[in-house]
Amino acid sequence: MRNSILKFYSKTKAKYGRQLISFLKLLVLTLLFLIAFNNFDHKVFISSIRSLPIQNFLYYLAVIFLSKIMYAFRWKIVGWIVFPNVKLPLKKYLQTNLLAEFVAIVMPTSIGGEITRILKISQKDLKATYVTASILIDRILGIIGMVLVSLCSLLLIGRKFTFNLQSLVPESLFLPIILGFFIVFILALFIFLRWASQPKQTLRISQAWKIIRGKFALLFIALGITIFGHLIFSLAHIFLFMYLCPVSYIEAVAIILTPQLARSIPISVLGISASEGLMVPSLMMAGMTREIALTITVLSLLGRYSFAFLGFLWEFLESGLSFFKQDK
């Protein structure tokens, strides 16, 4: 009887925990949408979309795809460190990353993109524990590289950003938005600390550290590839800027990559995350109008959807719907 009660309590607690996280997602995205669409002129937005030549968007997608290849290569190098006896082709890592993007955006499940990566890479001679460690290291390298490139670009930028808070947010919304972000930050910090304190997560972190000790040369190579991939990702947006609002290369890196740091926060709905919401004020601080900033943000999101669909199509043509049936 006691075990049944504890089991019921655990399930109820987990259910309300998931509901709380979903509420936080909606709250953050609502606040960011309020900022993005304040004094929005849809006619200027539509005109901006139409003014961009289609070939520029295709060039943008091609360069973004190159950055995704670099990210897959980074994960492959991490694989050499974590499971050196298992050799996987680069296309396997690339396909898995694209499929994980699709699952994170579309699938109405709780497994998430990271679990998709575990399921796709794990095999008989490769335990899920080692795949999880490789994903953890891969994610950390991505964040470190993003922080380094963002900081350097902000320090090297030729001019200061212009910041007019009233142009971003109506004065009546200042206090609610500040309170909303503060509450979300405290709750997100509490959830993260609770997650990190779990014995299972502590064990995974310690296992990852044991694996990488003595293999720092490969880690630095992976970090270099990460930085190169981030630069390619940022500069791909030049093809969007040149017709909408020309900026320098270093400005493009700063205003595109810095908001992407928010992607490490697991808050997204249909692929729309905090990074897309922060991208609008970031572009506006570089002197762009709200409509131009939203145009570039929407085109960037459309590119993400395109690669997510490519990930689904690749998986479907290779193995049908077997993976999604397994997930179910």
Protein backbone atom coordinates (compact mmCIF):
# COMPACT_ATOMS: atom_id res chain seq x y z
CA MET A 1 0.00 0.00 0.00
CA ARG A 2 2.78 2.39 0.95
CA ASN A 3 4.66 1.66 -2.29
CA SER A 4 1.51 2.33 -4.32
CA ILE A 5 1.02 5.69 -2.62
CA LEU A 6 4.65 6.67 -3.20
CA LYS A 7 4.41 5.60 -6.85
CA PHE A 8 1.23 7.64 -7.32
CA TYR A 9 2.84 10.64 -5.62
CA SER A 10 5.92 10.35 -7.85
CA LYS A 11 3.81 10.25 -11.02
CA THR A 12 1.68 13.19 -9.87
CA LYS A 13 4.79 15.19 -8.98
CA ALA A 14 6.36 14.48 -12.38
CA LYS A 15 3.10 15.44 -14.13
CA TYR A 16 2.89 18.81 -12.38
CA GLY A 17 6.59 19.35 -12.99
CA ARG A 18 6.06 18.94 -16.74
CA GLN A 19 3.07 21.28 -16.60
CA LEU A 20 5.16 23.88 -14.78
CA ILE A 21 7.89 23.69 -17.42
CA SER A 22 5.28 24.02 -20.20
CA PHE A 23 3.85 27.07 -18.44
CA LEU A 24 7.31 28.63 -18.19
CA LYS A 25 7.86 28.04 -21.91
CA LEU A 26 4.63 29.78 -22.82
CA LEU A 27 5.30 32.64 -20.39
CA VAL A 28 8.79 33.35 -21.75
CA LEU A 29 7.70 33.14 -25.38
CA THR A 30 4.68 35.36 -24.70
CA LEU A 31 6.90 38.02 -23.17
CA LEU A 32 9.31 37.84 -26.10
CA PHE A 33 6.46 38.04 -28.61
CA LEU A 34 5.11 41.13 -26.84
CA ILE A 35 8.51 42.74 -27.33
CA ALA A 36 8.83 41.60 -30.95
CA PHE A 37 5.38 42.67 -32.14
CA ASN A 38 5.09 46.00 -30.31
CA ASN A 39 4.15 48.70 -32.91
CA PHE A 40 4.50 46.13 -35.69
CA ASP A 41 3.68 47.18 -39.29
CA HIS A 42 2.74 44.06 -41.24
CA LYS A 43 2.82 45.89 -44.60
CA VAL A 44 6.49 46.78 -44.18
CA PHE A 45 7.17 43.21 -43.05
CA ILE A 46 5.55 41.71 -46.16
CA SER A 47 7.40 44.20 -48.37
CA SER A 48 10.70 43.21 -46.74
CA ILE A 49 10.03 39.53 -47.39
CA ARG A 50 9.26 40.19 -51.05
CA SER A 51 12.33 42.38 -51.54
CA LEU A 52 14.75 39.52 -50.80
CA PRO A 53 15.76 37.58 -53.95
CA ILE A 54 15.06 33.86 -53.66
CA GLN A 55 18.63 32.99 -54.68
CA ASN A 56 19.94 34.84 -51.61
CA PHE A 57 17.80 32.67 -49.36
CA LEU A 58 19.10 29.57 -51.16
CA TYR A 59 22.70 30.78 -50.67
CA TYR A 60 21.86 31.28 -47.00
CA LEU A 61 20.58 27.71 -46.71
CA ALA A 62 23.67 26.32 -48.45
CA VAL A 63 26.06 28.05 -46.03
CA ILE A 64 23.94 27.07 -43.02
CA PHE A 65 24.15 23.45 -44.21
CA LEU A 66 27.94 23.78 -44.29
CA SER A 67 27.87 24.88 -40.63
CA LYS A 68 25.75 21.84 -39.78
CA ILE A 69 28.38 19.62 -41.39
CA MET A 70 30.99 21.25 -39.16
CA TYR A 71 28.85 20.59 -36.07
CA ALA A 72 28.44 16.95 -37.11
CA PHE A 73 32.21 16.70 -37.58
CA ARG A 74 32.69 18.08 -34.06
CA TRP A 75 30.47 15.34 -32.68
CA LYS A 76 32.42 12.76 -34.69
CA ILE A 77 35.66 13.94 -33.06
CA VAL A 78 34.01 13.70 -29.66
CA GLY A 79 33.02 10.16 -30.67
CA TRP A 80 36.68 9.35 -31.29
CA ILE A 81 37.31 10.37 -27.67
CA VAL A 82 34.35 8.69 -25.98
CA PHE A 83 34.00 5.47 -28.00
CA PRO A 84 37.25 5.07 -30.01
CA ASN A 85 36.50 1.44 -30.91
CA VAL A 86 33.27 2.31 -32.72
CA LYS A 87 33.68 4.10 -36.04
CA LEU A 88 30.61 5.90 -37.35
CA PRO A 89 30.53 7.79 -40.68
CA LEU A 90 30.12 11.56 -40.71
CA LYS A 91 26.77 11.28 -42.49
CA LYS A 92 25.41 9.28 -39.53
CA TYR A 93 26.11 12.17 -37.17
CA LEU A 94 24.73 14.70 -39.65
CA GLN A 95 21.55 12.71 -40.25
CA THR A 96 21.04 12.25 -36.52
CA ASN A 97 21.41 15.97 -35.82
CA LEU A 98 18.91 16.86 -38.55
CA LEU A 99 16.43 14.26 -37.31
CA ALA A 100 16.83 15.52 -33.74
CA GLU A 101 15.96 19.00 -35.03
CA PHE A 102 12.77 17.62 -36.56
CA VAL A 103 11.76 15.76 -33.40
CA ALA A 104 12.42 18.81 -31.22
CA ILE A 105 10.16 20.92 -33.45
CA VAL A 106 7.35 18.64 -34.56
CA MET A 107 6.88 15.49 -32.50
CA PRO A 108 4.36 15.82 -29.63
CA THR A 109 6.47 13.69 -27.30
CA SER A 110 8.71 14.30 -24.31
CA ILE A 111 11.85 12.62 -25.63
CA GLY A 112 13.33 15.78 -27.15
CA GLY A 113 16.11 16.18 -29.64
CA GLU A 114 18.84 14.92 -27.33
CA ILE A 115 17.07 11.63 -26.64
CA THR A 116 16.63 11.21 -30.38
CA ARG A 117 20.39 11.49 -30.78
CA ILE A 118 20.88 8.80 -28.13
CA LEU A 119 18.39 6.43 -29.78
CA LYS A 120 19.87 6.86 -33.26
CA ILE A 121 23.53 6.44 -32.33
CA SER A 122 23.20 3.71 -29.71
CA GLN A 123 23.72 0.16 -31.02
CA LYS A 124 24.65 -3.30 -29.77
CA ASP A 125 28.36 -2.52 -29.38
CA LEU A 126 27.79 1.08 -28.25
CA LYS A 127 25.98 1.63 -24.97
CA ALA A 128 23.63 4.58 -24.45
CA THR A 129 25.81 5.73 -21.52
CA TYR A 130 28.72 6.51 -23.84
CA VAL A 131 26.46 8.18 -26.40
CA THR A 132 24.98 10.36 -23.64
CA ALA A 133 28.48 11.35 -22.52
CA SER A 134 29.41 12.29 -26.09
CA ILE A 135 26.28 14.44 -26.42
CA LEU A 136 27.03 16.17 -23.12
CA ILE A 137 30.60 16.97 -24.22
CA ASP A 138 29.38 18.03 -27.67
CA ARG A 139 26.85 20.41 -26.11
CA ILE A 140 29.41 21.92 -23.72
CA LEU A 141 31.88 22.51 -26.58
CA GLY A 142 29.13 24.22 -28.57
CA ILE A 143 28.29 26.58 -25.71
CA ILE A 144 31.95 27.38 -24.93
CA GLY A 145 32.67 28.12 -28.59
CA MET A 146 29.57 30.31 -28.85
CA VAL A 147 30.52 32.31 -25.77
CA LEU A 148 34.08 32.85 -27.04
CA VAL A 149 33.00 33.96 -30.52
CA SER A 150 30.22 36.19 -29.15
CA LEU A 151 32.49 37.94 -26.66
CA CYS A 152 35.26 38.47 -29.21
CA SER A 153 32.84 39.86 -31.80
CA LEU A 154 31.27 42.23 -29.27
CA LEU A 155 34.73 43.47 -28.25
CA LEU A 156 35.89 43.92 -31.85
CA ILE A 157 32.71 45.54 -33.16
CA GLY A 158 33.36 48.90 -34.73
CA ARG A 159 30.46 50.82 -33.22
CA LYS A 160 28.25 50.66 -30.17
CA PHE A 161 24.76 49.29 -30.30
CA THR A 162 21.92 51.77 -29.91
CA PHE A 163 19.53 50.76 -27.17
CA ASN A 164 16.19 52.51 -26.79
CA LEU A 165 14.13 50.48 -24.35
CA GLN A 166 10.91 52.36 -25.06
CA SER A 167 11.15 51.49 -28.75
CA LEU A 168 11.27 47.81 -27.80
CA VAL A 169 8.67 47.65 -25.05
CA PRO A 170 5.73 49.90 -24.08
CA GLU A 171 6.33 51.64 -20.76
CA SER A 172 3.25 49.98 -19.23
CA LEU A 173 4.82 46.54 -19.80
CA PHE A 174 8.23 47.31 -18.23
CA LEU A 175 7.40 46.01 -14.74
CA PRO A 176 5.40 42.89 -15.79
CA ILE A 177 8.13 41.81 -18.22
CA ILE A 178 10.93 42.37 -15.70
CA LEU A 179 9.02 40.44 -13.04
CA GLY A 180 8.15 37.69 -15.51
CA PHE A 181 11.78 37.19 -16.58
CA PHE A 182 12.94 37.27 -12.94
CA ILE A 183 10.44 34.59 -11.89
CA VAL A 184 11.32 32.44 -14.91
CA PHE A 185 15.05 32.82 -14.19
CA ILE A 186 14.64 31.76 -10.55
CA LEU A 187 12.48 28.77 -11.44
CA ALA A 188 14.79 27.71 -14.30
CA LEU A 189 17.80 27.95 -11.97
CA PHE A 190 15.98 25.86 -9.35
CA ILE A 191 15.06 23.19 -11.93
CA PHE A 192 18.63 23.08 -13.27
CA LEU A 193 20.20 22.77 -9.80
CA ARG A 194 17.74 20.05 -8.88
CA TRP A 195 18.50 18.21 -12.12
CA ALA A 196 22.26 18.53 -11.63
CA SER A 197 22.05 17.26 -8.03
CA GLN A 198 20.41 13.99 -9.04
CA PRO A 199 22.75 11.00 -8.53
CA LYS A 200 22.23 9.83 -12.11
CA GLN A 201 23.24 13.21 -13.57
CA THR A 202 26.20 13.55 -11.20
CA LEU A 203 27.38 10.10 -12.29
CA ARG A 204 27.08 11.06 -15.98
CA ILE A 205 29.11 14.23 -15.45
CA SER A 206 31.83 12.34 -13.56
CA GLN A 207 31.92 9.68 -16.29
CA ALA A 208 32.29 12.35 -18.97
CA TRP A 209 35.21 13.89 -17.06
CA LYS A 210 36.97 10.52 -16.73
CA ILE A 211 36.61 9.99 -20.48
CA ILE A 212 38.10 13.32 -21.58
CA ARG A 213 41.08 13.35 -19.20
CA GLY A 214 44.29 13.02 -21.16
CA LYS A 215 42.56 13.71 -24.50
CA PHE A 216 42.61 17.49 -24.49
CA ALA A 217 44.35 17.74 -27.88
CA LEU A 218 41.31 16.28 -29.64
CA LEU A 219 39.04 18.46 -27.52
CA PHE A 220 40.87 21.60 -28.67
CA ILE A 221 40.54 20.46 -32.28
CA ALA A 222 36.80 19.95 -31.71
CA LEU A 223 36.59 23.40 -30.12
CA GLY A 224 38.34 24.93 -33.14
CA ILE A 225 35.85 23.24 -35.46
CA THR A 226 33.05 24.55 -33.23
CA ILE A 227 34.30 28.13 -33.55
CA PHE A 228 34.66 27.76 -37.32
CA GLY A 229 31.13 26.35 -37.53
CA HIS A 230 29.73 29.24 -35.48
CA LEU A 231 31.45 31.77 -37.75
CA ILE A 232 30.02 30.07 -40.85
CA PHE A 233 26.55 30.01 -39.26
CA SER A 234 26.70 33.73 -38.43
CA LEU A 235 28.14 34.87 -41.76
CA ALA A 236 25.47 32.92 -43.66
CA HIS A 237 23.07 35.69 -42.61
CA ILE A 238 25.06 38.16 -44.73
CA PHE A 239 23.00 36.88 -47.68
CA LEU A 240 19.90 38.11 -45.85
CA PHE A 241 21.41 41.37 -44.61
CA MET A 242 22.81 42.58 -47.93
CA TYR A 243 19.37 43.34 -49.39
CA LEU A 244 17.51 44.19 -46.18
CA CYS A 245 20.01 46.08 -44.01
CA PRO A 246 23.74 45.77 -44.85
CA VAL A 247 26.07 45.27 -41.87
CA SER A 248 29.76 44.43 -41.51
CA TYR A 249 30.97 40.86 -41.06
CA ILE A 250 31.90 41.36 -37.42
CA GLU A 251 28.50 42.95 -36.71
CA ALA A 252 26.78 39.98 -38.34
CA VAL A 253 28.62 37.60 -36.01
CA ALA A 254 27.76 39.66 -32.92
CA ILE A 255 24.07 40.25 -33.56
CA ILE A 256 23.34 36.72 -34.82
CA LEU A 257 25.42 34.52 -32.56
CA THR A 258 24.87 36.29 -29.22
CA PRO A 259 21.09 35.60 -29.10
CA GLN A 260 21.81 31.95 -29.98
CA LEU A 261 23.23 31.51 -26.48
CA ALA A 262 19.61 31.40 -25.31
CA ARG A 263 19.14 28.19 -27.31
CA SER A 264 20.94 26.32 -24.51
CA ILE A 265 17.85 27.08 -22.39
CA PRO A 266 15.36 24.24 -23.03
CA ILE A 267 12.42 26.57 -23.72
CA SER A 268 10.78 26.23 -27.13
CA VAL A 269 7.41 25.68 -28.77
CA LEU A 270 7.32 24.36 -32.35
CA GLY A 271 10.98 25.29 -32.74
CA ILE A 272 10.42 28.89 -31.65
CA SER A 273 12.79 29.40 -28.74
CA ALA A 274 14.11 32.23 -26.60
CA SER A 275 16.89 32.79 -29.13
CA GLU A 276 14.36 33.79 -31.82
CA GLY A 277 12.69 36.16 -29.37
CA LEU A 278 16.02 37.75 -28.38
CA MET A 279 17.12 37.97 -32.01
CA VAL A 280 14.60 40.75 -32.73
CA PRO A 281 15.87 43.24 -30.09
CA SER A 282 19.46 42.26 -30.95
CA LEU A 283 18.94 43.22 -34.60
CA MET A 284 17.10 46.38 -33.60
CA MET A 285 20.03 47.39 -31.41
CA ALA A 286 22.18 47.20 -34.55
CA GLY A 287 19.98 49.88 -36.14
CA MET A 288 17.43 47.77 -37.98
CA THR A 289 13.72 48.48 -37.93
CA ARG A 290 11.41 46.11 -36.09
CA GLU A 291 10.00 44.82 -39.38
CA ILE A 292 13.43 44.10 -40.86
CA ALA A 293 14.48 42.36 -37.64
CA LEU A 294 11.35 40.20 -37.72
CA THR A 295 11.89 39.43 -41.41
CA ILE A 296 15.40 38.09 -40.76
CA THR A 297 14.20 36.17 -37.70
CA VAL A 298 11.35 34.55 -39.64
CA LEU A 299 13.64 33.63 -42.54
CA SER A 300 16.12 32.12 -40.08
CA LEU A 301 13.33 30.09 -38.48
CA LEU A 302 12.14 29.00 -41.94
CA GLY A 303 15.64 27.74 -42.65
CA ARG A 304 15.57 25.75 -39.43
CA TYR A 305 12.25 24.19 -40.45
CA SER A 306 13.72 23.33 -43.85
CA PHE A 307 16.60 21.37 -42.34
CA ALA A 308 14.25 19.70 -39.86
CA PHE A 309 12.13 18.50 -42.78
CA LEU A 310 15.30 17.32 -44.52
CA GLY A 311 16.11 15.28 -41.41
CA PHE A 312 12.66 13.67 -41.48
CA LEU A 313 12.85 12.99 -45.24
CA TRP A 314 16.32 11.45 -44.91
CA GLU A 315 15.15 9.14 -42.11
CA PHE A 316 11.94 8.23 -43.97
CA LEU A 317 13.73 7.35 -47.20
CA GLU A 318 16.32 5.29 -45.33
CA SER A 319 14.17 3.35 -42.86
CA GLY A 320 10.56 4.47 -43.22
CA LEU A 321 8.72 5.23 -40.00
CA SER A 322 10.43 2.54 -37.92
CA PHE A 323 12.25 5.08 -35.72
CA PHE A 324 9.06 6.97 -34.89
CA LYS A 325 7.24 3.72 -34.12
CA GLN A 326 10.12 2.84 -31.78
CA ASP A 327 9.76 6.25 -30.11
CA LYS A 328 6.05 5.72 -29.69
